[in-house]
PDB file of N, CA and C in Angstrom:
ATOM      1  N   MET A   1      30.600 -35.394  -3.889  1.00  0.00           N
ATOM      2  CA  MET A   1      30.591 -34.625  -5.123  1.00  0.00           C
ATOM      3  C   MET A   1      29.509 -33.537  -5.090  1.00  0.00           C
ATOM      4  N   GLN A   2      28.404 -33.877  -4.500  1.00  0.00           N
ATOM      5  CA  GLN A   2      27.297 -32.932  -4.427  1.00  0.00           C
ATOM      6  C   GLN A   2      27.645 -31.733  -3.547  1.00  0.00           C
ATOM      7  N   THR A   3      28.425 -31.922  -2.493  1.00  0.00           N
ATOM      8  CA  THR A   3      28.771 -30.817  -1.610  1.00  0.00           C
ATOM      9  C   THR A   3      29.726 -29.846  -2.279  1.00  0.00           C
ATOM     10  N   ILE A   4      30.615 -30.346  -3.140  1.00  0.00           N
ATOM     11  CA  ILE A   4      31.540 -29.451  -3.847  1.00  0.00           C
ATOM     12  C   ILE A   4      30.767 -28.578  -4.832  1.00  0.00           C
ATOM     13  N   ARG A   5      29.801 -29.169  -5.522  1.00  0.00           N
ATOM     14  CA  ARG A   5      28.982 -28.385  -6.461  1.00  0.00           C
ATOM     15  C   ARG A   5      28.169 -27.328  -5.729  1.00  0.00           C
ATOM     16  N   SER A   6      27.585 -27.708  -4.616  1.00  0.00           N
ATOM     17  CA  SER A   6      26.776 -26.739  -3.883  1.00  0.00           C
ATOM     18  C   SER A   6      27.654 -25.630  -3.306  1.00  0.00           C
ATOM     19  N   PHE A   7      28.892 -25.975  -2.897  1.00  0.00           N
ATOM     20  CA  PHE A   7      29.808 -24.956  -2.398  1.00  0.00           C
ATOM     21  C   PHE A   7      30.135 -23.939  -3.483  1.00  0.00           C
ATOM     22  N   PHE A   8      30.458 -24.424  -4.691  1.00  0.00           N
ATOM     23  CA  PHE A   8      30.804 -23.506  -5.776  1.00  0.00           C
ATOM     24  C   PHE A   8      29.602 -22.708  -6.252  1.00  0.00           C
ATOM     25  N   SER A   9      28.417 -23.295  -6.215  1.00  0.00           N
ATOM     26  CA  SER A   9      27.237 -22.530  -6.619  1.00  0.00           C
ATOM     27  C   SER A   9      26.921 -21.449  -5.580  1.00  0.00           C
ATOM     28  N   GLU A  10      27.084 -21.784  -4.299  1.00  0.00           N
ATOM     29  CA  GLU A  10      26.874 -20.768  -3.260  1.00  0.00           C
ATOM     30  C   GLU A  10      27.932 -19.680  -3.341  1.00  0.00           C
ATOM     31  N   LEU A  11      29.171 -20.062  -3.631  1.00  0.00           N
ATOM     32  CA  LEU A  11      30.243 -19.087  -3.780  1.00  0.00           C
ATOM     33  C   LEU A  11      29.991 -18.173  -4.976  1.00  0.00           C
ATOM     34  N   THR A  12      29.501 -18.754  -6.059  1.00  0.00           N
ATOM     35  CA  THR A  12      29.184 -17.954  -7.247  1.00  0.00           C
ATOM     36  C   THR A  12      28.067 -16.964  -6.956  1.00  0.00           C
ATOM     37  N   ILE A  13      27.031 -17.421  -6.276  1.00  0.00           N
ATOM     38  CA  ILE A  13      25.919 -16.535  -5.922  1.00  0.00           C
ATOM     39  C   ILE A  13      26.400 -15.437  -4.982  1.00  0.00           C
ATOM     40  N   PHE A  14      27.229 -15.782  -4.011  1.00  0.00           N
ATOM     41  CA  PHE A  14      27.757 -14.801  -3.073  1.00  0.00           C
ATOM     42  C   PHE A  14      28.576 -13.740  -3.802  1.00  0.00           C
ATOM     43  N   MET A  15      29.460 -14.160  -4.702  1.00  0.00           N
ATOM     44  CA  MET A  15      30.296 -13.210  -5.444  1.00  0.00           C
ATOM     45  C   MET A  15      29.436 -12.305  -6.334  1.00  0.00           C
ATOM     46  N   ALA A  16      28.417 -12.864  -6.949  1.00  0.00           N
ATOM     47  CA  ALA A  16      27.522 -12.059  -7.776  1.00  0.00           C
ATOM     48  C   ALA A  16      26.800 -11.016  -6.935  1.00  0.00           C
ATOM     49  N   LEU A  17      26.343 -11.411  -5.752  1.00  0.00           N
ATOM     50  CA  LEU A  17      25.660 -10.455  -4.878  1.00  0.00           C
ATOM     51  C   LEU A  17      26.604  -9.366  -4.377  1.00  0.00           C
ATOM     52  N   VAL A  18      27.848  -9.710  -4.095  1.00  0.00           N
ATOM     53  CA  VAL A  18      28.826  -8.707  -3.678  1.00  0.00           C
ATOM     54  C   VAL A  18      29.079  -7.713  -4.801  1.00  0.00           C
ATOM     55  N   ILE A  19      29.225  -8.199  -6.018  1.00  0.00           N
ATOM     56  CA  ILE A  19      29.472  -7.304  -7.163  1.00  0.00           C
ATOM     57  C   ILE A  19      28.264  -6.400  -7.401  1.00  0.00           C
ATOM     58  N   VAL A  20      27.068  -6.948  -7.340  1.00  0.00           N
ATOM     59  CA  VAL A  20      25.851  -6.139  -7.515  1.00  0.00           C
ATOM     60  C   VAL A  20      25.754  -5.091  -6.408  1.00  0.00           C
ATOM     61  N   GLY A  21      26.071  -5.473  -5.177  1.00  0.00           N
ATOM     62  CA  GLY A  21      26.048  -4.517  -4.073  1.00  0.00           C
ATOM     63  C   GLY A  21      27.035  -3.383  -4.266  1.00  0.00           C
ATOM     64  N   LEU A  22      28.234  -3.695  -4.730  1.00  0.00           N
ATOM     65  CA  LEU A  22      29.228  -2.649  -4.983  1.00  0.00           C
ATOM     66  C   LEU A  22      28.773  -1.702  -6.089  1.00  0.00           C
ATOM     67  N   ILE A  23      28.173  -2.243  -7.121  1.00  0.00           N
ATOM     68  CA  ILE A  23      27.668  -1.399  -8.212  1.00  0.00           C
ATOM     69  C   ILE A  23      26.568  -0.470  -7.692  1.00  0.00           C
ATOM     70  N   ILE A  24      25.680  -0.988  -6.868  1.00  0.00           N
ATOM     71  CA  ILE A  24      24.606  -0.159  -6.311  1.00  0.00           C
ATOM     72  C   ILE A  24      25.176   0.943  -5.428  1.00  0.00           C
ATOM     73  N   ILE A  25      26.173   0.618  -4.603  1.00  0.00           N
ATOM     74  CA  ILE A  25      26.792   1.625  -3.746  1.00  0.00           C
ATOM     75  C   ILE A  25      27.450   2.720  -4.578  1.00  0.00           C
ATOM     76  N   LEU A  26      28.150   2.342  -5.643  1.00  0.00           N
ATOM     77  CA  LEU A  26      28.797   3.341  -6.500  1.00  0.00           C
ATOM     78  C   LEU A  26      27.772   4.217  -7.214  1.00  0.00           C
ATOM     79  N   LEU A  27      26.672   3.628  -7.663  1.00  0.00           N
ATOM     80  CA  LEU A  27      25.629   4.414  -8.315  1.00  0.00           C
ATOM     81  C   LEU A  27      24.973   5.387  -7.333  1.00  0.00           C
ATOM     82  N   LEU A  28      24.719   4.942  -6.112  1.00  0.00           N
ATOM     83  CA  LEU A  28      24.138   5.839  -5.118  1.00  0.00           C
ATOM     84  C   LEU A  28      25.077   6.986  -4.780  1.00  0.00           C
ATOM     85  N   LYS A  29      26.373   6.699  -4.723  1.00  0.00           N
ATOM     86  CA  LYS A  29      27.344   7.753  -4.458  1.00  0.00           C
ATOM     87  C   LYS A  29      27.331   8.794  -5.589  1.00  0.00           C
ATOM     88  N   ALA A  30      27.235   8.334  -6.826  1.00  0.00           N
ATOM     89  CA  ALA A  30      27.188   9.255  -7.959  1.00  0.00           C
ATOM     90  C   ALA A  30      25.914  10.098  -7.924  1.00  0.00           C
ATOM     91  N   VAL A  31      24.791   9.484  -7.571  1.00  0.00           N
ATOM     92  CA  VAL A  31      23.523  10.224  -7.514  1.00  0.00           C
ATOM     93  C   VAL A  31      23.574  11.277  -6.413  1.00  0.00           C
ATOM     94  N   VAL A  32      24.155  10.937  -5.268  1.00  0.00           N
ATOM     95  CA  VAL A  32      24.246  11.891  -4.160  1.00  0.00           C
ATOM     96  C   VAL A  32      25.106  13.085  -4.555  1.00  0.00           C
ATOM     97  N   GLN A  33      26.169  12.852  -5.316  1.00  0.00           N
ATOM     98  CA  GLN A  33      27.026  13.955  -5.745  1.00  0.00           C
ATOM     99  C   GLN A  33      26.326  14.859  -6.751  1.00  0.00           C
ATOM    100  N   LEU A  34      25.308  14.351  -7.431  1.00  0.00           N
ATOM    101  CA  LEU A  34      24.613  15.152  -8.434  1.00  0.00           C
ATOM    102  C   LEU A  34      23.382  15.873  -7.897  1.00  0.00           C
ATOM    103  N   VAL A  35      23.132  15.802  -6.595  1.00  0.00           N
ATOM    104  CA  VAL A  35      21.934  16.431  -6.029  1.00  0.00           C
ATOM    105  C   VAL A  35      21.979  17.949  -6.206  1.00  0.00           C
ATOM    106  N   ILE A  36      23.107  18.581  -5.893  1.00  0.00           N
ATOM    107  CA  ILE A  36      23.210  20.041  -5.996  1.00  0.00           C
ATOM    108  C   ILE A  36      23.045  20.517  -7.448  1.00  0.00           C
ATOM    109  N   PRO A  37      23.742  19.906  -8.424  1.00  0.00           N
ATOM    110  CA  PRO A  37      23.487  20.335  -9.807  1.00  0.00           C
ATOM    111  C   PRO A  37      22.056  20.095 -10.269  1.00  0.00           C
ATOM    112  N   ILE A  38      21.422  19.033  -9.800  1.00  0.00           N
ATOM    113  CA  ILE A  38      20.023  18.775 -10.179  1.00  0.00           C
ATOM    114  C   ILE A  38      19.111  19.851  -9.611  1.00  0.00           C
ATOM    115  N   VAL A  39      19.334  20.235  -8.374  1.00  0.00           N
ATOM    116  CA  VAL A  39      18.521  21.290  -7.756  1.00  0.00           C
ATOM    117  C   VAL A  39      18.736  22.618  -8.489  1.00  0.00           C
ATOM    118  N   ALA A  40      19.991  22.921  -8.824  1.00  0.00           N
ATOM    119  CA  ALA A  40      20.273  24.173  -9.544  1.00  0.00           C
ATOM    120  C   ALA A  40      19.582  24.177 -10.904  1.00  0.00           C
ATOM    121  N   ALA A  41      19.633  23.050 -11.608  1.00  0.00           N
ATOM    122  CA  ALA A  41      18.971  22.972 -12.916  1.00  0.00           C
ATOM    123  C   ALA A  41      17.456  23.102 -12.772  1.00  0.00           C
ATOM    124  N   ALA A  42      16.892  22.505 -11.724  1.00  0.00           N
ATOM    125  CA  ALA A  42      15.448  22.612 -11.515  1.00  0.00           C
ATOM    126  C   ALA A  42      15.037  24.045 -11.217  1.00  0.00           C
ATOM    127  N   VAL A  43      15.827  24.755 -10.409  1.00  0.00           N
ATOM    128  CA  VAL A  43      15.521  26.152 -10.101  1.00  0.00           C
ATOM    129  C   VAL A  43      15.581  26.999 -11.369  1.00  0.00           C
ATOM    130  N   VAL A  44      16.627  26.800 -12.176  1.00  0.00           N
ATOM    131  CA  VAL A  44      16.747  27.562 -13.424  1.00  0.00           C
ATOM    132  C   VAL A  44      15.593  27.236 -14.354  1.00  0.00           C
ATOM    133  N   TRP A  45      15.204  25.966 -14.425  1.00  0.00           N
ATOM    134  CA  TRP A  45      14.103  25.605 -15.305  1.00  0.00           C
ATOM    135  C   TRP A  45      12.788  26.225 -14.830  1.00  0.00           C
ATOM    136  N   PHE A  46      12.547  26.241 -13.507  1.00  0.00           N
ATOM    137  CA  PHE A  46      11.320  26.852 -13.003  1.00  0.00           C
ATOM    138  C   PHE A  46      11.295  28.357 -13.247  1.00  0.00           C
ATOM    139  N   LEU A  47      12.461  28.993 -13.206  1.00  0.00           N
ATOM    140  CA  LEU A  47      12.505  30.442 -13.418  1.00  0.00           C
ATOM    141  C   LEU A  47      12.424  30.821 -14.893  1.00  0.00           C
ATOM    142  N   THR A  48      13.044  30.033 -15.769  1.00  0.00           N
ATOM    143  CA  THR A  48      13.132  30.419 -17.178  1.00  0.00           C
ATOM    144  C   THR A  48      12.288  29.564 -18.115  1.00  0.00           C
ATOM    145  N   HIS A  49      11.888  28.366 -17.692  1.00  0.00           N
ATOM    146  CA  HIS A  49      11.178  27.386 -18.537  1.00  0.00           C
ATOM    147  C   HIS A  49      11.980  27.049 -19.791  1.00  0.00           C
ATOM    148  N   SER A  50      13.305  27.063 -19.669  1.00  0.00           N
ATOM    149  CA  SER A  50      14.179  26.729 -20.783  1.00  0.00           C
ATOM    150  C   SER A  50      15.052  25.533 -20.393  1.00  0.00           C
ATOM    151  N   LEU A  51      14.919  24.451 -21.167  1.00  0.00           N
ATOM    152  CA  LEU A  51      15.737  23.283 -20.896  1.00  0.00           C
ATOM    153  C   LEU A  51      17.209  23.542 -21.240  1.00  0.00           C
ATOM    154  N   THR A  52      17.456  24.424 -22.175  1.00  0.00           N
ATOM    155  CA  THR A  52      18.836  24.753 -22.538  1.00  0.00           C
ATOM    156  C   THR A  52      19.549  25.419 -21.367  1.00  0.00           C
ATOM    157  N   TYR A  53      18.915  26.413 -20.767  1.00  0.00           N
ATOM    158  CA  TYR A  53      19.517  27.086 -19.614  1.00  0.00           C
ATOM    159  C   TYR A  53      19.649  26.132 -18.419  1.00  0.00           C
ATOM    160  N   ALA A  54      18.667  25.261 -18.247  1.00  0.00           N
ATOM    161  CA  ALA A  54      18.741  24.288 -17.160  1.00  0.00           C
ATOM    162  C   ALA A  54      19.909  23.324 -17.376  1.00  0.00           C
ATOM    163  N   GLY A  55      20.114  22.894 -18.609  1.00  0.00           N
ATOM    164  CA  GLY A  55      21.243  22.016 -18.922  1.00  0.00           C
ATOM    165  C   GLY A  55      22.577  22.694 -18.698  1.00  0.00           C
ATOM    166  N   ILE A  56      22.663  23.958 -19.092  1.00  0.00           N
ATOM    167  CA  ILE A  56      23.896  24.727 -18.873  1.00  0.00           C
ATOM    168  C   ILE A  56      24.157  24.895 -17.385  1.00  0.00           C
ATOM    169  N   ALA A  57      23.109  25.185 -16.622  1.00  0.00           N
ATOM    170  CA  ALA A  57      23.268  25.332 -15.173  1.00  0.00           C
ATOM    171  C   ALA A  57      23.702  24.015 -14.539  1.00  0.00           C
ATOM    172  N   PHE A  58      23.117  22.907 -14.986  1.00  0.00           N
ATOM    173  CA  PHE A  58      23.499  21.597 -14.458  1.00  0.00           C
ATOM    174  C   PHE A  58      24.975  21.319 -14.723  1.00  0.00           C
ATOM    175  N   LEU A  59      25.404  21.535 -15.955  1.00  0.00           N
ATOM    176  CA  LEU A  59      26.815  21.296 -16.295  1.00  0.00           C
ATOM    177  C   LEU A  59      27.740  22.226 -15.525  1.00  0.00           C
ATOM    178  N   ALA A  60      27.366  23.486 -15.402  1.00  0.00           N
ATOM    179  CA  ALA A  60      28.209  24.441 -14.692  1.00  0.00           C
ATOM    180  C   ALA A  60      28.366  24.045 -13.226  1.00  0.00           C
ATOM    181  N   PHE A  61      27.265  23.690 -12.572  1.00  0.00           N
ATOM    182  CA  PHE A  61      27.354  23.303 -11.162  1.00  0.00           C
ATOM    183  C   PHE A  61      28.095  21.977 -10.989  1.00  0.00           C
ATOM    184  N   ALA A  62      27.927  21.066 -11.923  1.00  0.00           N
ATOM    185  CA  ALA A  62      28.633  19.785 -11.820  1.00  0.00           C
ATOM    186  C   ALA A  62      30.136  19.982 -11.964  1.00  0.00           C
ATOM    187  N   VAL A  63      30.542  20.816 -12.918  1.00  0.00           N
ATOM    188  CA  VAL A  63      31.970  21.087 -13.107  1.00  0.00           C
ATOM    189  C   VAL A  63      32.543  21.848 -11.915  1.00  0.00           C
ATOM    190  N   LEU A  64      31.807  22.847 -11.436  1.00  0.00           N
ATOM    191  CA  LEU A  64      32.270  23.582 -10.252  1.00  0.00           C
ATOM    192  C   LEU A  64      32.391  22.673  -9.029  1.00  0.00           C
ATOM    193  N   GLN A  65      31.465  21.771  -8.865  1.00  0.00           N
ATOM    194  CA  GLN A  65      31.519  20.848  -7.744  1.00  0.00           C
ATOM    195  C   GLN A  65      32.742  19.938  -7.865  1.00  0.00           C
ATOM    196  N   LEU A  66      33.054  19.482  -9.060  1.00  0.00           N
ATOM    197  CA  LEU A  66      34.261  18.654  -9.246  1.00  0.00           C
ATOM    198  C   LEU A  66      35.521  19.440  -8.951  1.00  0.00           C
ATOM    199  N   ILE A  67      35.578  20.690  -9.399  1.00  0.00           N
ATOM    200  CA  ILE A  67      36.777  21.518  -9.172  1.00  0.00           C
ATOM    201  C   ILE A  67      36.958  21.785  -7.675  1.00  0.00           C
ATOM    202  N   VAL A  68      35.875  22.105  -6.990  1.00  0.00           N
ATOM    203  CA  VAL A  68      35.967  22.440  -5.560  1.00  0.00           C
ATOM    204  C   VAL A  68      36.354  21.199  -4.744  1.00  0.00           C
ATOM    205  N   LYS A  69      35.852  20.033  -5.110  1.00  0.00           N
ATOM    206  CA  LYS A  69      36.159  18.817  -4.351  1.00  0.00           C
ATOM    207  C   LYS A  69      37.615  18.385  -4.524  1.00  0.00           C
ATOM    208  N   ARG A  70      38.239  18.710  -5.634  1.00  0.00           N
ATOM    209  CA  ARG A  70      39.636  18.318  -5.852  1.00  0.00           C
ATOM    210  C   ARG A  70      40.594  19.142  -5.039  1.00  0.00           C
ATOM    211  N   ARG A  71      40.192  20.318  -4.634  1.00  0.00           N
ATOM    212  CA  ARG A  71      41.081  21.191  -3.855  1.00  0.00           C
ATOM    213  C   ARG A  71      41.029  20.895  -2.413  1.00  0.00           C
TER     214      ARG A  71
END
């Protein structure tokens, strides 16, 4: 009886670690895709010192990157 419990607890821990690993991989992929818009927003912010313009630049580059990747 003890071996069945330990098997299911190990299986549960393994499945939890796999799910956490997949979530981390997906988050890293999203962060990597946002590097170019982040750099563009930082450049605009350093040039203008306006968070509004930096936000607009970030959104514009993010949308352009999505459009270009779909083609």
